[in-house]
C-alpha cells in the first residue's frame, strides 16, 4: 500500500490501515522514528482506553491502602543489605 504526500504535507491513510488501527475521523496518531530510520505509526489512545486492563482482586479502603504502603516501606528498610 502507498499514499501520496500533498503540497500541504498531508496524506490519506489507506483504508485497510485505518481499519486495522480502528481509526475514526478526528482520531490522532503518533509517529515513532527508530534508530534504523524506520517509522511506526500508532493510534494515540485516550487514557480511558486503559480502563479494565488490570484485574482487581480486592478493593480496600484508603486506610487499608495507607497501612499496606507503610508496611511495605518499613519492610524494605529491614532487609539486610547485599554485599
N, C-alpha and C. Protein backbone atom coordinates (compact mmCIF):
# COMPACT_ATOMS: atom_id res chain seq x y z
N UNK A 1 0.84 -1.18 0.00
CA UNK A 1 0.00 0.00 0.00
C UNK A 1 0.88 1.23 0.00
N UNK A 2 0.40 2.27 -0.60
CA UNK A 2 1.14 3.53 -0.59
C UNK A 2 0.16 4.69 -0.63
N UNK A 3 0.69 5.86 -0.33
CA UNK A 3 -0.12 7.07 -0.32
C UNK A 3 0.77 8.22 -0.76
N UNK A 4 0.20 9.18 -1.45
CA UNK A 4 0.97 10.34 -1.93
C UNK A 4 0.88 11.48 -0.93
N UNK A 5 1.95 12.24 -0.83
CA UNK A 5 2.01 13.41 0.03
C UNK A 5 1.61 14.63 -0.77
N UNK A 6 0.68 15.44 -0.24
CA UNK A 6 0.25 16.63 -0.96
C UNK A 6 1.23 17.77 -0.72
N UNK A 7 1.07 18.87 -1.46
CA UNK A 7 1.93 20.03 -1.28
C UNK A 7 1.76 20.65 0.11
N UNK A 8 0.65 20.35 0.78
CA UNK A 8 0.42 20.85 2.15
C UNK A 8 0.97 19.89 3.22
N UNK A 9 1.62 18.81 2.78
CA UNK A 9 2.19 17.86 3.73
C UNK A 9 1.17 16.87 4.27
N UNK A 10 0.05 16.72 3.60
CA UNK A 10 -0.99 15.81 4.04
C UNK A 10 -1.00 14.55 3.19
N UNK A 11 -1.51 13.47 3.78
CA UNK A 11 -1.68 12.24 3.02
C UNK A 11 -2.88 11.49 3.56
N UNK A 12 -3.41 10.61 2.75
CA UNK A 12 -4.53 9.77 3.15
C UNK A 12 -3.98 8.44 3.63
N UNK A 13 -4.41 8.03 4.82
CA UNK A 13 -4.03 6.72 5.33
C UNK A 13 -4.92 5.71 4.62
N UNK A 14 -4.34 4.71 3.98
CA UNK A 14 -5.15 3.73 3.25
C UNK A 14 -6.22 3.09 4.14
N UNK A 15 -7.35 2.78 3.53
CA UNK A 15 -8.50 2.24 4.26
C UNK A 15 -8.15 0.99 5.06
N UNK A 16 -7.37 0.09 4.49
CA UNK A 16 -7.00 -1.14 5.20
C UNK A 16 -6.22 -0.83 6.48
N UNK A 17 -5.37 0.19 6.43
CA UNK A 17 -4.59 0.59 7.61
C UNK A 17 -5.51 1.23 8.64
N UNK A 18 -6.41 2.12 8.18
CA UNK A 18 -7.37 2.76 9.10
C UNK A 18 -8.21 1.71 9.81
N UNK A 19 -8.66 0.71 9.06
CA UNK A 19 -9.47 -0.34 9.67
C UNK A 19 -8.65 -1.17 10.64
N UNK A 20 -7.42 -1.49 10.29
CA UNK A 20 -6.55 -2.29 11.16
C UNK A 20 -6.29 -1.56 12.47
N UNK A 21 -6.06 -0.25 12.40
CA UNK A 21 -5.79 0.54 13.61
C UNK A 21 -7.06 1.05 14.28
N UNK A 22 -8.21 0.73 13.67
CA UNK A 22 -9.52 1.17 14.17
C UNK A 22 -9.58 2.69 14.31
N UNK A 23 -9.08 3.38 13.30
CA UNK A 23 -9.07 4.85 13.30
C UNK A 23 -10.40 5.37 12.78
N UNK A 24 -10.87 6.42 13.45
CA UNK A 24 -12.10 7.09 13.04
C UNK A 24 -11.77 8.55 12.77
N UNK A 25 -12.63 9.26 12.04
CA UNK A 25 -12.38 10.69 11.81
C UNK A 25 -12.18 11.44 13.13
N UNK A 26 -11.14 12.25 13.17
CA UNK A 26 -10.82 13.01 14.38
C UNK A 26 -9.81 12.34 15.29
N UNK A 27 -9.56 11.03 15.09
CA UNK A 27 -8.56 10.34 15.91
C UNK A 27 -7.18 10.92 15.62
N UNK A 28 -6.31 10.80 16.58
CA UNK A 28 -4.94 11.27 16.42
C UNK A 28 -4.01 10.06 16.34
N UNK A 29 -2.89 10.23 15.67
CA UNK A 29 -1.89 9.17 15.57
C UNK A 29 -0.55 9.72 16.04
N UNK A 30 0.33 8.81 16.43
CA UNK A 30 1.69 9.18 16.85
C UNK A 30 2.67 8.51 15.91
N UNK A 31 3.77 9.19 15.65
CA UNK A 31 4.83 8.66 14.80
C UNK A 31 6.07 8.43 15.66
N UNK A 32 6.67 7.27 15.51
CA UNK A 32 7.89 6.93 16.24
C UNK A 32 8.98 6.64 15.22
N UNK A 33 10.11 7.33 15.33
CA UNK A 33 11.24 7.10 14.44
C UNK A 33 12.27 6.25 15.18
N UNK A 34 12.57 5.11 14.60
CA UNK A 34 13.53 4.20 15.21
C UNK A 34 14.95 4.55 14.74
N UNK A 35 15.97 4.14 15.50
CA UNK A 35 17.35 4.45 15.14
C UNK A 35 17.75 3.98 13.73
N UNK A 36 17.12 2.89 13.25
CA UNK A 36 17.47 2.39 11.92
C UNK A 36 16.75 3.17 10.80
N UNK A 37 15.95 4.18 11.18
CA UNK A 37 15.27 5.02 10.19
C UNK A 37 13.84 4.62 9.88
N UNK A 38 13.41 3.47 10.39
CA UNK A 38 12.03 3.07 10.15
C UNK A 38 11.10 3.93 11.00
N UNK A 39 9.89 4.12 10.51
CA UNK A 39 8.90 4.94 11.20
C UNK A 39 7.68 4.07 11.48
N UNK A 40 7.17 4.18 12.69
CA UNK A 40 5.98 3.42 13.09
C UNK A 40 4.87 4.42 13.39
N UNK A 41 3.68 4.13 12.89
CA UNK A 41 2.50 4.97 13.12
C UNK A 41 1.56 4.17 14.01
N UNK A 42 1.18 4.75 15.15
CA UNK A 42 0.26 4.09 16.07
C UNK A 42 -0.84 5.05 16.48
N UNK A 43 -2.04 4.53 16.76
CA UNK A 43 -3.09 5.42 17.22
C UNK A 43 -2.76 5.96 18.60
N UNK A 44 -3.07 7.22 18.82
CA UNK A 44 -2.88 7.82 20.15
C UNK A 44 -4.15 7.53 20.93
N UNK A 45 -4.03 6.70 21.94
CA UNK A 45 -5.20 6.25 22.68
C UNK A 45 -5.46 7.15 23.88
N UNK A 46 -6.72 7.41 24.19
CA UNK A 46 -7.03 8.19 25.38
C UNK A 46 -6.76 7.36 26.63
N UNK A 47 -6.50 8.00 27.74
CA UNK A 47 -6.21 7.30 28.99
C UNK A 47 -7.36 6.38 29.38
N UNK A 48 -8.57 6.73 28.99
CA UNK A 48 -9.73 5.90 29.34
C UNK A 48 -9.67 4.53 28.67
N UNK A 49 -8.88 4.39 27.63
CA UNK A 49 -8.77 3.09 26.96
C UNK A 49 -8.06 2.06 27.83
N UNK A 50 -7.38 2.51 28.88
CA UNK A 50 -6.68 1.59 29.78
C UNK A 50 -7.60 0.99 30.84
N UNK A 51 -8.82 1.51 30.94
CA UNK A 51 -9.75 1.01 31.95
C UNK A 51 -9.98 -0.48 31.75
N UNK A 52 -9.84 -1.22 32.84
CA UNK A 52 -10.08 -2.66 32.80
C UNK A 52 -8.91 -3.49 32.36
N UNK A 53 -7.75 -2.86 32.09
CA UNK A 53 -6.60 -3.62 31.61
C UNK A 53 -6.01 -4.51 32.71
N UNK A 54 -6.15 -4.08 33.97
CA UNK A 54 -5.65 -4.86 35.09
C UNK A 54 -6.81 -5.50 35.83
N UNK A 55 -6.62 -6.72 36.23
CA UNK A 55 -7.64 -7.38 37.01
C UNK A 55 -7.50 -6.95 38.47
N UNK A 56 -8.62 -6.68 39.10
CA UNK A 56 -8.59 -6.34 40.52
C UNK A 56 -9.11 -7.53 41.30
N UNK A 57 -8.42 -7.85 42.36
CA UNK A 57 -8.84 -8.97 43.18
C UNK A 57 -9.59 -8.50 44.42
N UNK A 58 -9.20 -7.36 44.93
CA UNK A 58 -9.80 -6.87 46.16
C UNK A 58 -9.67 -5.36 46.21
N UNK A 59 -10.73 -4.73 46.60
CA UNK A 59 -10.66 -3.28 46.80
C UNK A 59 -10.58 -3.02 48.28
N UNK A 60 -9.67 -2.18 48.66
CA UNK A 60 -9.52 -1.85 50.07
C UNK A 60 -9.91 -0.41 50.34
N UNK A 61 -9.99 -0.11 51.61
CA UNK A 61 -10.27 1.27 51.99
C UNK A 61 -8.98 2.06 51.91
N UNK A 62 -9.10 3.37 51.99
CA UNK A 62 -7.90 4.22 51.94
C UNK A 62 -7.01 3.92 53.13
N UNK A 63 -7.58 3.71 54.29
CA UNK A 63 -6.75 3.42 55.47
C UNK A 63 -6.02 2.08 55.31
N UNK A 64 -6.68 1.07 54.69
CA UNK A 64 -6.01 -0.20 54.44
C UNK A 64 -4.87 -0.03 53.44
N UNK A 65 -5.08 0.80 52.44
CA UNK A 65 -4.01 1.05 51.46
C UNK A 65 -2.85 1.78 52.12
N UNK A 66 -3.14 2.77 52.94
CA UNK A 66 -2.07 3.50 53.64
C UNK A 66 -1.28 2.56 54.54
N UNK A 67 -1.97 1.66 55.22
CA UNK A 67 -1.30 0.70 56.10
C UNK A 67 -0.40 -0.24 55.28
N UNK A 68 -0.88 -0.69 54.13
CA UNK A 68 -0.08 -1.57 53.27
C UNK A 68 1.16 -0.85 52.76
N UNK A 69 1.03 0.42 52.41
CA UNK A 69 2.18 1.20 51.95
C UNK A 69 3.19 1.35 53.07
N UNK A 70 2.72 1.67 54.26
CA UNK A 70 3.61 1.84 55.41
C UNK A 70 4.32 0.53 55.74
N UNK A 71 3.61 -0.57 55.70
CA UNK A 71 4.22 -1.87 55.97
C UNK A 71 5.28 -2.19 54.93
N UNK A 72 4.97 -1.96 53.68
CA UNK A 72 5.94 -2.22 52.62
C UNK A 72 7.18 -1.36 52.74
N UNK A 73 6.99 -0.11 53.14
CA UNK A 73 8.14 0.80 53.29
C UNK A 73 9.03 0.37 54.44
N UNK A 74 8.44 -0.04 55.56
CA UNK A 74 9.27 -0.45 56.69
C UNK A 74 9.97 -1.77 56.42
N UNK A 75 9.31 -2.70 55.72
CA UNK A 75 9.93 -3.98 55.38
C UNK A 75 11.13 -3.79 54.47
N UNK A 76 11.03 -2.80 53.61
CA UNK A 76 12.13 -2.54 52.68
C UNK A 76 13.41 -2.18 53.42
N UNK A 77 13.28 -1.42 54.48
CA UNK A 77 14.47 -0.99 55.22
C UNK A 77 14.92 -2.01 56.24
N UNK A 78 14.14 -3.04 56.51
CA UNK A 78 14.53 -4.10 57.44
C UNK A 78 15.33 -5.19 56.77
N UNK A 79 15.29 -5.26 55.47
CA UNK A 79 16.01 -6.30 54.74
C UNK A 79 17.51 -6.08 54.88
N UNK A 80 18.26 -7.15 55.05
CA UNK A 80 19.71 -7.00 55.11
C UNK A 80 20.26 -6.56 53.75
N UNK A 81 21.26 -5.72 53.80
CA UNK A 81 21.88 -5.23 52.56
C UNK A 81 22.73 -6.32 51.95
N UNK A 82 22.73 -6.38 50.61
CA UNK A 82 23.56 -7.34 49.89
C UNK A 82 24.99 -6.87 49.88
N UNK A 83 25.89 -7.82 49.91
CA UNK A 83 27.31 -7.45 49.85
C UNK A 83 27.90 -7.84 48.54
